[in-house]
Amino acid sequence: MATPAVAPALLLVALLPVAAAMPALVALAVLAVVTVTGVILGNVHARPQRQAIRDIRLAEQQSLESTETDWRRRQD
């Protein structure tokens, strides 16, 4: 199966003959629908990776803050 970034591009290529027979405004609307759908699918597909990155970043930030808090307590 094609990746979410490639699928809309392939669909656009497949729709070229159909879009050529459509009025310009309708073809533009089809382009907009395919593009928005591709962006939505890409976001849904990449959500787990983005969440994993946020979780790692949060854990690193909390670890750093804990280390800094311990250091400040020792300074008193």
Protein backbone atom coordinates (compact mmCIF):
# COMPACT_ATOMS: atom_id res chain seq x y z
CA MET A 1 0.00 0.00 0.00
CA ALA A 2 1.22 3.49 -0.81
CA THR A 3 2.19 5.84 1.98
CA PRO A 4 -0.26 8.62 2.85
CA ALA A 5 1.96 11.16 1.09
CA VAL A 6 2.03 9.18 -2.16
CA ALA A 7 -1.60 8.05 -2.32
CA PRO A 8 -3.11 11.50 -2.99
CA ALA A 9 -0.46 12.18 -5.63
CA LEU A 10 -1.28 8.91 -7.36
CA LEU A 11 -4.97 9.72 -7.17
CA LEU A 12 -4.36 13.12 -8.73
CA VAL A 13 -2.43 11.51 -11.59
CA ALA A 14 -5.22 8.98 -12.06
CA LEU A 15 -7.80 11.78 -12.12
CA LEU A 16 -6.00 13.80 -14.83
CA PRO A 17 -8.05 12.39 -17.73
CA VAL A 18 -11.25 12.87 -15.77
CA ALA A 19 -10.33 16.40 -14.68
CA ALA A 20 -9.51 17.38 -18.26
CA ALA A 21 -13.13 16.75 -19.22
CA MET A 22 -14.49 18.76 -16.26
CA PRO A 23 -15.09 22.47 -16.07
CA ALA A 24 -12.16 24.31 -14.47
CA LEU A 25 -14.00 25.16 -11.25
CA VAL A 26 -15.10 21.56 -10.71
CA ALA A 27 -11.56 20.31 -11.39
CA LEU A 28 -10.26 22.82 -8.85
CA ALA A 29 -12.79 21.58 -6.30
CA VAL A 30 -11.68 17.99 -6.91
CA LEU A 31 -8.06 19.07 -6.44
CA ALA A 32 -8.96 20.77 -3.16
CA VAL A 33 -10.85 17.73 -1.86
CA VAL A 34 -8.02 15.34 -2.75
CA THR A 35 -5.41 17.66 -1.23
CA VAL A 36 -7.31 18.18 2.03
CA THR A 37 -8.01 14.46 2.28
CA GLY A 38 -4.31 13.74 1.77
CA VAL A 39 -3.32 16.16 4.52
CA ILE A 40 -5.87 14.66 6.91
CA LEU A 41 -4.72 11.12 6.15
CA GLY A 42 -1.10 12.13 6.62
CA ASN A 43 -1.88 13.66 10.01
CA VAL A 44 -3.82 10.62 11.14
CA HIS A 45 -1.07 8.30 9.92
CA ALA A 46 1.74 10.24 11.65
CA ARG A 47 -0.10 10.73 14.95
CA PRO A 48 1.53 7.79 16.79
CA GLN A 49 5.01 8.93 15.77
CA ARG A 50 4.32 12.50 16.89
CA GLN A 51 2.95 11.23 20.21
CA ALA A 52 6.04 9.07 20.76
CA ILE A 53 8.30 12.07 20.12
CA ARG A 54 6.28 14.20 22.56
CA ASP A 55 6.47 11.46 25.21
CA ILE A 56 10.26 11.16 24.84
CA ARG A 57 10.68 14.92 25.00
CA LEU A 58 8.50 15.16 28.10
CA ALA A 59 10.46 12.41 29.85
CA GLU A 60 13.75 14.14 29.03
CA GLN A 61 12.43 17.49 30.23
CA GLN A 62 11.15 16.02 33.50
CA SER A 63 14.46 14.25 34.07
CA LEU A 64 16.39 17.46 33.50
CA GLU A 65 14.10 19.45 35.77
CA SER A 66 14.44 16.82 38.48
CA THR A 67 18.24 16.98 38.23
CA GLU A 68 18.18 20.77 38.41
CA THR A 69 15.83 20.70 41.41
CA ASP A 70 18.15 18.31 43.24
CA TRP A 71 21.11 20.54 42.44
CA ARG A 72 19.31 23.62 43.79
CA ARG A 73 18.38 21.79 46.98
CA ARG A 74 22.02 20.88 47.56
CA GLN A 75 23.03 24.52 47.12
CA ASP A 76 20.94 25.67 50.10
